[in-house]
Amino acid sequence: MTILDKKKNKETLFFILLILAMFLWGASWVSGRYIAQVAAYESVVFYRFLLTSIFFIPLILLLKPKMKLKFKNITQVILGTILILLHANFFFKGLNFGLAGAGSIIFTVMAPLITFLLVSVLYRHKLKKNEIIGLLFGIIGGVVLLELWKFDINEIVQSGNIYFLLAACSWASITVVAGKSYQNLSPIGFSFYISLGGLIILLFLTPKEVIFGDFLYNEYFWYHIVFLSAFANVFASTIYFYASGVIGSSKASSYIYLVPVFAVILGVVLLDESVASNSIVGGIITIAALYLINKKSVTQEKTS
């Protein structure tokens, strides 16, 4: 096997893992909607950070990734911890108080767009033509999936939905931070440290009555919180952060466009929901957006 073949195989595996990560995030919206009805968002956030930190330990012992913190990484981990806490709070507050269906679209459309804007401003990255067209396709796909024209303006801007926009801003920021931390720290190390940091902060901030509520006796709460922690956080988020360092924050964030597509598919398979025509059209447009953003130019192909 030649070096070129090995590189192509690695890229194929990397692509498959990213798609799987987006699939798990799509499933996390289903779990998130359920769990938001069972427990207060403060409780969900606390136990998600607790279990995520625990599930990382066997992974670290098995893979032995780079865990040593340099001074620059300490700053990135502190910033990442603050951002991941904000994201988790905004996300579950949105599920509690906003429109969950609208929120999934608001988040998935805005997160890549904000990431591209941050990278452009912070690192003077000039957007390529295919990236601009891809972002426009992503916005159009989101509008179609959401059927924005059917919503009353008050529903769209209601206070609950602002949390999803704030969740997109915080996630875009942590994507950029994660992409830079990869230079000296493994994605597993970065993910573990920000989860552990978040847990330590929550231990001081979360009231005991919120931690030890009646929801603890609900077995379905544990099914969903374990899934969210082990698969959506430990597995999917680590792959995503790794992608931020390998292919860049902007391109990694573009894969988020697949999340609502998988959420619709899972709704059909698991909840017997019907597939509307707008879901099919919007899904095709968002997939096209992903393709356009990640499409290599002729110059890139020659140099790769």
C-alpha atoms as a PDB file:
ATOM      1  CA  MET A   1       0.000   0.000   0.000  1.00  0.00           C
ATOM      2  CA  THR A   2       1.418   3.364  -1.046  1.00  0.00           C
ATOM      3  CA  ILE A   3       1.553   6.478   1.128  1.00  0.00           C
ATOM      4  CA  LEU A   4      -1.193   8.009  -1.044  1.00  0.00           C
ATOM      5  CA  ASP A   5      -3.450   4.982  -0.467  1.00  0.00           C
ATOM      6  CA  LYS A   6      -2.869   5.174   3.290  1.00  0.00           C
ATOM      7  CA  LYS A   7      -3.731   8.872   3.247  1.00  0.00           C
ATOM      8  CA  LYS A   8      -6.970   8.211   1.328  1.00  0.00           C
ATOM      9  CA  ASN A   9      -7.935   5.399   3.729  1.00  0.00           C
ATOM     10  CA  LYS A  10      -7.295   7.685   6.696  1.00  0.00           C
ATOM     11  CA  GLU A  11      -9.411  10.451   5.139  1.00  0.00           C
ATOM     12  CA  THR A  12     -12.226   7.966   4.450  1.00  0.00           C
ATOM     13  CA  LEU A  13     -12.183   6.690   8.049  1.00  0.00           C
ATOM     14  CA  PHE A  14     -12.085  10.261   9.343  1.00  0.00           C
ATOM     15  CA  PHE A  15     -15.090  11.189   7.162  1.00  0.00           C
ATOM     16  CA  ILE A  16     -17.074   8.156   8.393  1.00  0.00           C
ATOM     17  CA  LEU A  17     -16.329   8.997  12.032  1.00  0.00           C
ATOM     18  CA  LEU A  18     -17.449  12.609  11.542  1.00  0.00           C
ATOM     19  CA  ILE A  19     -20.705  11.438   9.935  1.00  0.00           C
ATOM     20  CA  LEU A  20     -21.241   9.039  12.860  1.00  0.00           C
ATOM     21  CA  ALA A  21     -20.601  11.895  15.299  1.00  0.00           C
ATOM     22  CA  MET A  22     -23.258  14.023  13.585  1.00  0.00           C
ATOM     23  CA  PHE A  23     -25.661  11.063  13.680  1.00  0.00           C
ATOM     24  CA  LEU A  24     -25.161  10.803  17.439  1.00  0.00           C
ATOM     25  CA  TRP A  25     -25.732  14.538  17.828  1.00  0.00           C
ATOM     26  CA  GLY A  26     -28.938  14.176  15.827  1.00  0.00           C
ATOM     27  CA  ALA A  27     -30.016  11.464  18.266  1.00  0.00           C
ATOM     28  CA  SER A  28     -29.036  13.724  21.168  1.00  0.00           C
ATOM     29  CA  TRP A  29     -31.781  16.175  20.165  1.00  0.00           C
ATOM     30  CA  VAL A  30     -34.327  13.374  20.633  1.00  0.00           C
ATOM     31  CA  SER A  31     -32.858  12.478  24.047  1.00  0.00           C
ATOM     32  CA  GLY A  32     -32.509  16.128  24.990  1.00  0.00           C
ATOM     33  CA  ARG A  33     -36.175  16.863  24.267  1.00  0.00           C
ATOM     34  CA  TYR A  34     -37.242  13.975  26.482  1.00  0.00           C
ATOM     35  CA  ILE A  35     -34.893  14.668  29.359  1.00  0.00           C
ATOM     36  CA  ALA A  36     -35.820  18.367  29.427  1.00  0.00           C
ATOM     37  CA  GLN A  37     -39.375  17.291  30.353  1.00  0.00           C
ATOM     38  CA  VAL A  38     -38.198  15.042  33.198  1.00  0.00           C
ATOM     39  CA  ALA A  39     -35.680  17.181  35.089  1.00  0.00           C
ATOM     40  CA  ALA A  40     -34.680  20.823  35.503  1.00  0.00           C
ATOM     41  CA  TYR A  41     -31.949  21.960  33.125  1.00  0.00           C
ATOM     42  CA  GLU A  42     -29.542  22.563  36.067  1.00  0.00           C
ATOM     43  CA  SER A  43     -29.852  18.886  37.040  1.00  0.00           C
ATOM     44  CA  VAL A  44     -29.333  17.668  33.478  1.00  0.00           C
ATOM     45  CA  VAL A  45     -26.238  19.840  33.025  1.00  0.00           C
ATOM     46  CA  PHE A  46     -24.717  18.644  36.329  1.00  0.00           C
ATOM     47  CA  TYR A  47     -25.166  14.927  35.649  1.00  0.00           C
ATOM     48  CA  ARG A  48     -24.052  15.280  32.046  1.00  0.00           C
ATOM     49  CA  PHE A  49     -20.741  16.793  33.177  1.00  0.00           C
ATOM     50  CA  LEU A  50     -20.385  14.227  35.985  1.00  0.00           C
ATOM     51  CA  LEU A  51     -20.904  11.168  33.766  1.00  0.00           C
ATOM     52  CA  THR A  52     -18.876  12.618  30.883  1.00  0.00           C
ATOM     53  CA  SER A  53     -15.875  13.089  33.170  1.00  0.00           C
ATOM     54  CA  ILE A  54     -16.251   9.519  34.490  1.00  0.00           C
ATOM     55  CA  PHE A  55     -16.613   7.964  31.017  1.00  0.00           C
ATOM     56  CA  PHE A  56     -13.422   9.674  29.839  1.00  0.00           C
ATOM     57  CA  ILE A  57     -11.263   7.902  32.458  1.00  0.00           C
ATOM     58  CA  PRO A  58     -11.210   4.372  30.897  1.00  0.00           C
ATOM     59  CA  LEU A  59     -10.678   5.936  27.463  1.00  0.00           C
ATOM     60  CA  ILE A  60      -7.633   7.844  28.740  1.00  0.00           C
ATOM     61  CA  LEU A  61      -6.219   4.756  30.483  1.00  0.00           C
ATOM     62  CA  LEU A  62      -6.667   2.682  27.317  1.00  0.00           C
ATOM     63  CA  LEU A  63      -5.413   5.119  24.656  1.00  0.00           C
ATOM     64  CA  LYS A  64      -2.909   7.116  26.775  1.00  0.00           C
ATOM     65  CA  PRO A  65      -3.334  10.369  24.791  1.00  0.00           C
ATOM     66  CA  LYS A  66      -1.270  13.545  25.236  1.00  0.00           C
ATOM     67  CA  MET A  67      -2.497  14.976  28.535  1.00  0.00           C
ATOM     68  CA  LYS A  68       0.353  17.269  29.653  1.00  0.00           C
ATOM     69  CA  LEU A  69      -0.793  20.861  29.973  1.00  0.00           C
ATOM     70  CA  LYS A  70       1.465  23.647  28.769  1.00  0.00           C
ATOM     71  CA  PHE A  71       0.858  27.258  29.772  1.00  0.00           C
ATOM     72  CA  LYS A  72      -0.921  28.079  26.502  1.00  0.00           C
ATOM     73  CA  ASN A  73      -3.150  25.028  26.905  1.00  0.00           C
ATOM     74  CA  ILE A  74      -4.115  26.024  30.448  1.00  0.00           C
ATOM     75  CA  THR A  75      -5.562  29.264  29.090  1.00  0.00           C
ATOM     76  CA  GLN A  76      -7.382  27.357  26.340  1.00  0.00           C
ATOM     77  CA  VAL A  77      -8.790  24.818  28.813  1.00  0.00           C
ATOM     78  CA  ILE A  78     -10.049  27.559  31.150  1.00  0.00           C
ATOM     79  CA  LEU A  79     -11.689  29.366  28.242  1.00  0.00           C
ATOM     80  CA  GLY A  80     -13.057  26.074  26.908  1.00  0.00           C
ATOM     81  CA  THR A  81     -14.510  25.199  30.327  1.00  0.00           C
ATOM     82  CA  ILE A  82     -16.353  28.518  30.569  1.00  0.00           C
ATOM     83  CA  LEU A  83     -17.669  28.165  27.017  1.00  0.00           C
ATOM     84  CA  ILE A  84     -18.803  24.542  27.408  1.00  0.00           C
ATOM     85  CA  LEU A  85     -20.659  25.447  30.614  1.00  0.00           C
ATOM     86  CA  LEU A  86     -22.383  28.335  28.857  1.00  0.00           C
ATOM     87  CA  HIS A  87     -23.237  26.115  25.886  1.00  0.00           C
ATOM     88  CA  ALA A  88     -24.742  23.357  28.055  1.00  0.00           C
ATOM     89  CA  ASN A  89     -26.832  25.855  30.020  1.00  0.00           C
ATOM     90  CA  PHE A  90     -28.070  27.663  26.915  1.00  0.00           C
ATOM     91  CA  PHE A  91     -28.818  24.364  25.131  1.00  0.00           C
ATOM     92  CA  PHE A  92     -30.969  22.863  27.884  1.00  0.00           C
ATOM     93  CA  LYS A  93     -32.602  26.184  28.763  1.00  0.00           C
ATOM     94  CA  GLY A  94     -33.624  26.383  25.113  1.00  0.00           C
ATOM     95  CA  LEU A  95     -35.133  22.892  25.284  1.00  0.00           C
ATOM     96  CA  ASN A  96     -37.019  23.899  28.452  1.00  0.00           C
ATOM     97  CA  PHE A  97     -38.295  27.297  27.348  1.00  0.00           C
ATOM     98  CA  GLY A  98     -37.986  27.514  23.564  1.00  0.00           C
ATOM     99  CA  LEU A  99     -39.372  25.642  20.569  1.00  0.00           C
ATOM    100  CA  ALA A 100     -37.267  22.470  20.342  1.00  0.00           C
ATOM    101  CA  GLY A 101     -37.945  21.962  16.629  1.00  0.00           C
ATOM    102  CA  ALA A 102     -37.067  25.543  15.805  1.00  0.00           C
ATOM    103  CA  GLY A 103     -34.083  25.409  18.140  1.00  0.00           C
ATOM    104  CA  SER A 104     -32.414  22.526  16.344  1.00  0.00           C
ATOM    105  CA  ILE A 105     -32.534  24.502  13.098  1.00  0.00           C
ATOM    106  CA  ILE A 106     -31.472  27.815  14.671  1.00  0.00           C
ATOM    107  CA  PHE A 107     -28.461  26.137  16.278  1.00  0.00           C
ATOM    108  CA  THR A 108     -27.354  24.049  13.290  1.00  0.00           C
ATOM    109  CA  VAL A 109     -27.654  26.932  10.826  1.00  0.00           C
ATOM    110  CA  MET A 110     -26.039  29.590  12.996  1.00  0.00           C
ATOM    111  CA  ALA A 111     -23.165  27.578  14.564  1.00  0.00           C
ATOM    112  CA  PRO A 112     -21.226  27.043  11.264  1.00  0.00           C
ATOM    113  CA  LEU A 113     -21.956  30.608  10.128  1.00  0.00           C
ATOM    114  CA  ILE A 114     -20.671  32.129  13.390  1.00  0.00           C
ATOM    115  CA  THR A 115     -17.608  29.841  13.312  1.00  0.00           C
ATOM    116  CA  PHE A 116     -16.717  31.028   9.807  1.00  0.00           C
ATOM    117  CA  LEU A 117     -17.141  34.657  10.881  1.00  0.00           C
ATOM    118  CA  LEU A 118     -14.946  34.158  13.968  1.00  0.00           C
ATOM    119  CA  VAL A 119     -12.182  32.477  11.953  1.00  0.00           C
ATOM    120  CA  SER A 120     -12.388  35.219   9.315  1.00  0.00           C
ATOM    121  CA  VAL A 121     -12.064  37.992  11.899  1.00  0.00           C
ATOM    122  CA  LEU A 122      -9.529  36.385  14.256  1.00  0.00           C
ATOM    123  CA  TYR A 123      -7.244  34.805  11.656  1.00  0.00           C
ATOM    124  CA  ARG A 124      -8.006  36.973   8.624  1.00  0.00           C
ATOM    125  CA  HIS A 125      -9.270  33.982   6.701  1.00  0.00           C
ATOM    126  CA  LYS A 126     -10.742  35.127   3.413  1.00  0.00           C
ATOM    127  CA  LEU A 127     -13.813  33.099   2.534  1.00  0.00           C
ATOM    128  CA  LYS A 128     -13.597  31.233  -0.775  1.00  0.00           C
ATOM    129  CA  LYS A 129     -16.403  31.383  -3.293  1.00  0.00           C
ATOM    130  CA  ASN A 130     -17.513  27.803  -2.624  1.00  0.00           C
ATOM    131  CA  GLU A 131     -17.569  28.483   1.140  1.00  0.00           C
ATOM    132  CA  ILE A 132     -19.770  31.561   0.710  1.00  0.00           C
ATOM    133  CA  ILE A 133     -22.185  29.675  -1.559  1.00  0.00           C
ATOM    134  CA  GLY A 134     -22.156  26.728   0.872  1.00  0.00           C
ATOM    135  CA  LEU A 135     -23.051  28.971   3.813  1.00  0.00           C
ATOM    136  CA  LEU A 136     -25.910  30.486   1.819  1.00  0.00           C
ATOM    137  CA  PHE A 137     -27.131  26.989   0.974  1.00  0.00           C
ATOM    138  CA  GLY A 138     -26.964  26.119   4.682  1.00  0.00           C
ATOM    139  CA  ILE A 139     -29.133  29.112   5.600  1.00  0.00           C
ATOM    140  CA  ILE A 140     -31.636  28.309   2.831  1.00  0.00           C
ATOM    141  CA  GLY A 141     -31.729  24.668   3.904  1.00  0.00           C
ATOM    142  CA  GLY A 142     -32.449  25.735   7.478  1.00  0.00           C
ATOM    143  CA  VAL A 143     -35.270  28.041   6.348  1.00  0.00           C
ATOM    144  CA  VAL A 144     -36.835  25.191   4.341  1.00  0.00           C
ATOM    145  CA  LEU A 145     -36.450  22.625   7.157  1.00  0.00           C
ATOM    146  CA  LEU A 146     -37.997  25.039   9.635  1.00  0.00           C
ATOM    147  CA  GLU A 147     -40.680  26.266   7.179  1.00  0.00           C
ATOM    148  CA  LEU A 148     -39.860  29.714   8.460  1.00  0.00           C
ATOM    149  CA  TRP A 149     -42.606  31.333   6.376  1.00  0.00           C
ATOM    150  CA  LYS A 150     -45.257  29.570   8.493  1.00  0.00           C
ATOM    151  CA  PHE A 151     -44.066  30.977  11.817  1.00  0.00           C
ATOM    152  CA  ASP A 152     -45.370  34.078  13.489  1.00  0.00           C
ATOM    153  CA  ILE A 153     -42.550  36.572  14.064  1.00  0.00           C
ATOM    154  CA  ASN A 154     -43.271  36.493  17.818  1.00  0.00           C
ATOM    155  CA  GLU A 155     -42.708  32.720  17.899  1.00  0.00           C
ATOM    156  CA  ILE A 156     -39.331  33.041  16.168  1.00  0.00           C
ATOM    157  CA  VAL A 157     -38.004  35.788  18.428  1.00  0.00           C
ATOM    158  CA  GLN A 158     -39.602  34.540  21.647  1.00  0.00           C
ATOM    159  CA  SER A 159     -37.265  34.629  24.645  1.00  0.00           C
ATOM    160  CA  GLY A 160     -36.827  30.849  24.743  1.00  0.00           C
ATOM    161  CA  ASN A 161     -35.343  30.636  21.275  1.00  0.00           C
ATOM    162  CA  ILE A 162     -32.650  33.197  22.033  1.00  0.00           C
ATOM    163  CA  TYR A 163     -30.977  30.451  24.096  1.00  0.00           C
ATOM    164  CA  PHE A 164     -30.387  28.417  20.944  1.00  0.00           C
ATOM    165  CA  LEU A 165     -28.709  31.386  19.297  1.00  0.00           C
ATOM    166  CA  LEU A 166     -26.516  31.857  22.377  1.00  0.00           C
ATOM    167  CA  ALA A 167     -25.748  28.119  22.319  1.00  0.00           C
ATOM    168  CA  ALA A 168     -24.596  28.484  18.701  1.00  0.00           C
ATOM    169  CA  CYS A 169     -22.339  31.431  19.628  1.00  0.00           C
ATOM    170  CA  SER A 170     -20.726  29.570  22.529  1.00  0.00           C
ATOM    171  CA  TRP A 171     -20.269  26.391  20.454  1.00  0.00           C
ATOM    172  CA  ALA A 172     -18.688  28.307  17.579  1.00  0.00           C
ATOM    173  CA  SER A 173     -16.262  29.892  20.052  1.00  0.00           C
ATOM    174  CA  ILE A 174     -15.280  26.589  21.627  1.00  0.00           C
ATOM    175  CA  THR A 175     -14.762  25.101  18.147  1.00  0.00           C
ATOM    176  CA  VAL A 176     -12.136  27.765  17.421  1.00  0.00           C
ATOM    177  CA  VAL A 177     -10.467  27.257  20.830  1.00  0.00           C
ATOM    178  CA  ALA A 178     -10.413  23.465  20.363  1.00  0.00           C
ATOM    179  CA  GLY A 179      -8.835  23.803  16.921  1.00  0.00           C
ATOM    180  CA  LYS A 180      -5.905  25.711  18.418  1.00  0.00           C
ATOM    181  CA  SER A 181      -5.466  23.479  21.469  1.00  0.00           C
ATOM    182  CA  TYR A 182      -4.864  20.450  19.227  1.00  0.00           C
ATOM    183  CA  GLN A 183      -1.350  21.701  18.447  1.00  0.00           C
ATOM    184  CA  ASN A 184      -0.062  20.701  21.919  1.00  0.00           C
ATOM    185  CA  LEU A 185      -2.886  18.724  23.548  1.00  0.00           C
ATOM    186  CA  SER A 186      -4.868  15.705  22.352  1.00  0.00           C
ATOM    187  CA  PRO A 187      -8.603  16.175  21.616  1.00  0.00           C
ATOM    188  CA  ILE A 188      -9.367  13.606  24.326  1.00  0.00           C
ATOM    189  CA  GLY A 189      -7.266  15.597  26.794  1.00  0.00           C
ATOM    190  CA  PHE A 190      -8.962  18.866  25.870  1.00  0.00           C
ATOM    191  CA  SER A 191     -12.456  17.327  26.110  1.00  0.00           C
ATOM    192  CA  PHE A 192     -11.693  15.677  29.454  1.00  0.00           C
ATOM    193  CA  TYR A 193     -10.183  18.781  31.046  1.00  0.00           C
ATOM    194  CA  ILE A 194     -13.075  21.060  30.077  1.00  0.00           C
ATOM    195  CA  SER A 195     -15.602  18.458  31.296  1.00  0.00           C
ATOM    196  CA  LEU A 196     -13.768  18.026  34.596  1.00  0.00           C
ATOM    197  CA  GLY A 197     -13.365  21.793  34.959  1.00  0.00           C
ATOM    198  CA  GLY A 198     -17.073  22.271  34.329  1.00  0.00           C
ATOM    199  CA  LEU A 199     -17.947  19.594  36.889  1.00  0.00           C
ATOM    200  CA  ILE A 200     -15.770  21.228  39.574  1.00  0.00           C
ATOM    201  CA  ILE A 201     -17.459  24.587  39.012  1.00  0.00           C
ATOM    202  CA  LEU A 202     -20.924  22.983  39.059  1.00  0.00           C
ATOM    203  CA  LEU A 203     -20.177  21.225  42.361  1.00  0.00           C
ATOM    204  CA  PHE A 204     -19.962  24.675  43.968  1.00  0.00           C
ATOM    205  CA  LEU A 205     -22.822  26.304  42.059  1.00  0.00           C
ATOM    206  CA  THR A 206     -25.536  23.629  41.851  1.00  0.00           C
ATOM    207  CA  PRO A 207     -27.896  23.477  44.880  1.00  0.00           C
ATOM    208  CA  LYS A 208     -28.276  20.067  46.570  1.00  0.00           C
ATOM    209  CA  GLU A 209     -32.036  20.032  46.005  1.00  0.00           C
ATOM    210  CA  VAL A 210     -31.395  20.345  42.263  1.00  0.00           C
ATOM    211  CA  ILE A 211     -28.900  17.454  42.283  1.00  0.00           C
ATOM    212  CA  PHE A 212     -31.009  15.078  44.401  1.00  0.00           C
ATOM    213  CA  GLY A 213     -34.463  15.460  42.847  1.00  0.00           C
ATOM    214  CA  ASP A 214     -37.282  12.974  42.193  1.00  0.00           C
ATOM    215  CA  PHE A 215     -36.060  12.542  38.605  1.00  0.00           C
ATOM    216  CA  LEU A 216     -33.309  10.227  39.960  1.00  0.00           C
ATOM    217  CA  TYR A 217     -35.953   7.493  40.313  1.00  0.00           C
ATOM    218  CA  ASN A 218     -36.838   7.685  36.615  1.00  0.00           C
ATOM    219  CA  GLU A 219     -34.954   4.915  34.786  1.00  0.00           C
ATOM    220  CA  TYR A 220     -35.461   6.617  31.424  1.00  0.00           C
ATOM    221  CA  PHE A 221     -33.626   9.675  32.744  1.00  0.00           C
ATOM    222  CA  TRP A 222     -30.554   7.489  33.243  1.00  0.00           C
ATOM    223  CA  TYR A 223     -30.857   5.869  29.814  1.00  0.00           C
ATOM    224  CA  HIS A 224     -30.861   9.265  28.140  1.00  0.00           C
ATOM    225  CA  ILE A 225     -28.261  10.956  30.341  1.00  0.00           C
ATOM    226  CA  VAL A 226     -25.843   8.040  29.830  1.00  0.00           C
ATOM    227  CA  PHE A 227     -26.358   8.249  26.075  1.00  0.00           C
ATOM    228  CA  LEU A 228     -25.824  12.019  26.069  1.00  0.00           C
ATOM    229  CA  SER A 229     -22.682  11.722  28.184  1.00  0.00           C
ATOM    230  CA  ALA A 230     -20.988   8.646  26.704  1.00  0.00           C
ATOM    231  CA  PHE A 231     -21.892   8.960  23.031  1.00  0.00           C
ATOM    232  CA  ALA A 232     -22.871  12.578  22.306  1.00  0.00           C
ATOM    233  CA  ASN A 233     -20.141  14.031  24.546  1.00  0.00           C
ATOM    234  CA  VAL A 234     -17.225  11.622  24.956  1.00  0.00           C
ATOM    235  CA  PHE A 235     -17.327  10.040  21.493  1.00  0.00           C
ATOM    236  CA  ALA A 236     -18.934  12.594  19.162  1.00  0.00           C
ATOM    237  CA  SER A 237     -17.503  15.768  20.699  1.00  0.00           C
ATOM    238  CA  THR A 238     -13.970  14.338  20.833  1.00  0.00           C
ATOM    239  CA  ILE A 239     -14.122  13.441  17.136  1.00  0.00           C
ATOM    240  CA  TYR A 240     -15.473  16.904  16.370  1.00  0.00           C
ATOM    241  CA  PHE A 241     -12.698  18.645  18.334  1.00  0.00           C
ATOM    242  CA  TYR A 242     -10.130  16.436  16.611  1.00  0.00           C
ATOM    243  CA  ALA A 243     -11.602  17.488  13.261  1.00  0.00           C
ATOM    244  CA  SER A 244     -11.301  21.147  14.276  1.00  0.00           C
ATOM    245  CA  GLY A 245      -7.554  20.683  14.560  1.00  0.00           C
ATOM    246  CA  VAL A 246      -7.103  18.563  11.419  1.00  0.00           C
ATOM    247  CA  ILE A 247      -9.381  20.150   8.800  1.00  0.00           C
ATOM    248  CA  GLY A 248      -9.918  23.499  10.514  1.00  0.00           C
ATOM    249  CA  SER A 249     -12.654  24.937  12.725  1.00  0.00           C
ATOM    250  CA  SER A 250     -14.727  26.261   9.833  1.00  0.00           C
ATOM    251  CA  LYS A 251     -14.907  23.042   7.821  1.00  0.00           C
ATOM    252  CA  ALA A 252     -15.483  20.908  10.918  1.00  0.00           C
ATOM    253  CA  SER A 253     -18.418  23.103  11.947  1.00  0.00           C
ATOM    254  CA  SER A 254     -20.011  22.684   8.492  1.00  0.00           C
ATOM    255  CA  TYR A 255     -20.742  19.027   9.301  1.00  0.00           C
ATOM    256  CA  ILE A 256     -23.268  20.281  11.866  1.00  0.00           C
ATOM    257  CA  TYR A 257     -25.608  20.846   8.907  1.00  0.00           C
ATOM    258  CA  LEU A 258     -26.181  17.074   8.942  1.00  0.00           C
ATOM    259  CA  VAL A 259     -27.543  17.059  12.496  1.00  0.00           C
ATOM    260  CA  PRO A 260     -31.156  18.091  11.685  1.00  0.00           C
ATOM    261  CA  VAL A 261     -31.159  15.666   8.737  1.00  0.00           C
ATOM    262  CA  PHE A 262     -30.325  12.779  11.072  1.00  0.00           C
ATOM    263  CA  ALA A 263     -32.806  14.110  13.652  1.00  0.00           C
ATOM    264  CA  VAL A 264     -35.590  13.897  11.033  1.00  0.00           C
ATOM    265  CA  ILE A 265     -34.538  10.367   9.998  1.00  0.00           C
ATOM    266  CA  LEU A 266     -34.474   9.201  13.623  1.00  0.00           C
ATOM    267  CA  GLY A 267     -37.884  10.779  14.200  1.00  0.00           C
ATOM    268  CA  VAL A 268     -39.252   8.616  11.381  1.00  0.00           C
ATOM    269  CA  VAL A 269     -37.529   5.424  12.543  1.00  0.00           C
ATOM    270  CA  LEU A 270     -37.993   5.735  16.316  1.00  0.00           C
ATOM    271  CA  LEU A 271     -41.106   7.884  16.697  1.00  0.00           C
ATOM    272  CA  ASP A 272     -43.045   6.920  13.538  1.00  0.00           C
ATOM    273  CA  GLU A 273     -43.113  10.546  12.434  1.00  0.00           C
ATOM    274  CA  SER A 274     -44.050  11.256   8.828  1.00  0.00           C
ATOM    275  CA  VAL A 275     -41.529  12.802   6.445  1.00  0.00           C
ATOM    276  CA  ALA A 276     -42.683  16.143   5.101  1.00  0.00           C
ATOM    277  CA  SER A 277     -41.603  17.353   1.674  1.00  0.00           C
ATOM    278  CA  ASN A 278     -39.809  20.324   3.243  1.00  0.00           C
ATOM    279  CA  SER A 279     -37.669  17.890   5.289  1.00  0.00           C
ATOM    280  CA  ILE A 280     -36.545  16.117   2.116  1.00  0.00           C
ATOM    281  CA  VAL A 281     -35.849  19.340   0.188  1.00  0.00           C
ATOM    282  CA  GLY A 282     -34.188  21.040   3.179  1.00  0.00           C
ATOM    283  CA  GLY A 283     -32.082  17.956   3.862  1.00  0.00           C
ATOM    284  CA  ILE A 284     -30.822  17.846   0.254  1.00  0.00           C
ATOM    285  CA  ILE A 285     -29.945  21.557   0.369  1.00  0.00           C
ATOM    286  CA  THR A 286     -28.010  21.240   3.651  1.00  0.00           C
ATOM    287  CA  ILE A 287     -26.078  18.228   2.327  1.00  0.00           C
ATOM    288  CA  ALA A 288     -25.230  20.315  -0.743  1.00  0.00           C
ATOM    289  CA  ALA A 289     -24.042  23.068   1.621  1.00  0.00           C
ATOM    290  CA  LEU A 290     -21.718  20.606   3.360  1.00  0.00           C
ATOM    291  CA  TYR A 291     -20.323  19.442   0.014  1.00  0.00           C
ATOM    292  CA  LEU A 292     -19.700  22.974  -1.251  1.00  0.00           C
ATOM    293  CA  ILE A 293     -17.950  24.150   1.920  1.00  0.00           C
ATOM    294  CA  ASN A 294     -15.634  21.134   1.979  1.00  0.00           C
ATOM    295  CA  LYS A 295     -15.047  20.972  -1.785  1.00  0.00           C
ATOM    296  CA  LYS A 296     -11.397  21.358  -2.691  1.00  0.00           C
ATOM    297  CA  SER A 297     -10.430  23.877  -5.307  1.00  0.00           C
ATOM    298  CA  VAL A 298      -8.317  22.852  -8.292  1.00  0.00           C
ATOM    299  CA  THR A 299      -5.264  24.450  -6.638  1.00  0.00           C
ATOM    300  CA  GLN A 300      -5.849  22.541  -3.409  1.00  0.00           C
ATOM    301  CA  GLU A 301      -6.166  19.232  -5.258  1.00  0.00           C
ATOM    302  CA  LYS A 302      -2.859  19.775  -7.021  1.00  0.00           C
ATOM    303  CA  THR A 303      -1.029  20.555  -3.787  1.00  0.00           C
ATOM    304  CA  SER A 304      -2.638  17.788  -1.697  1.00  0.00           C
END
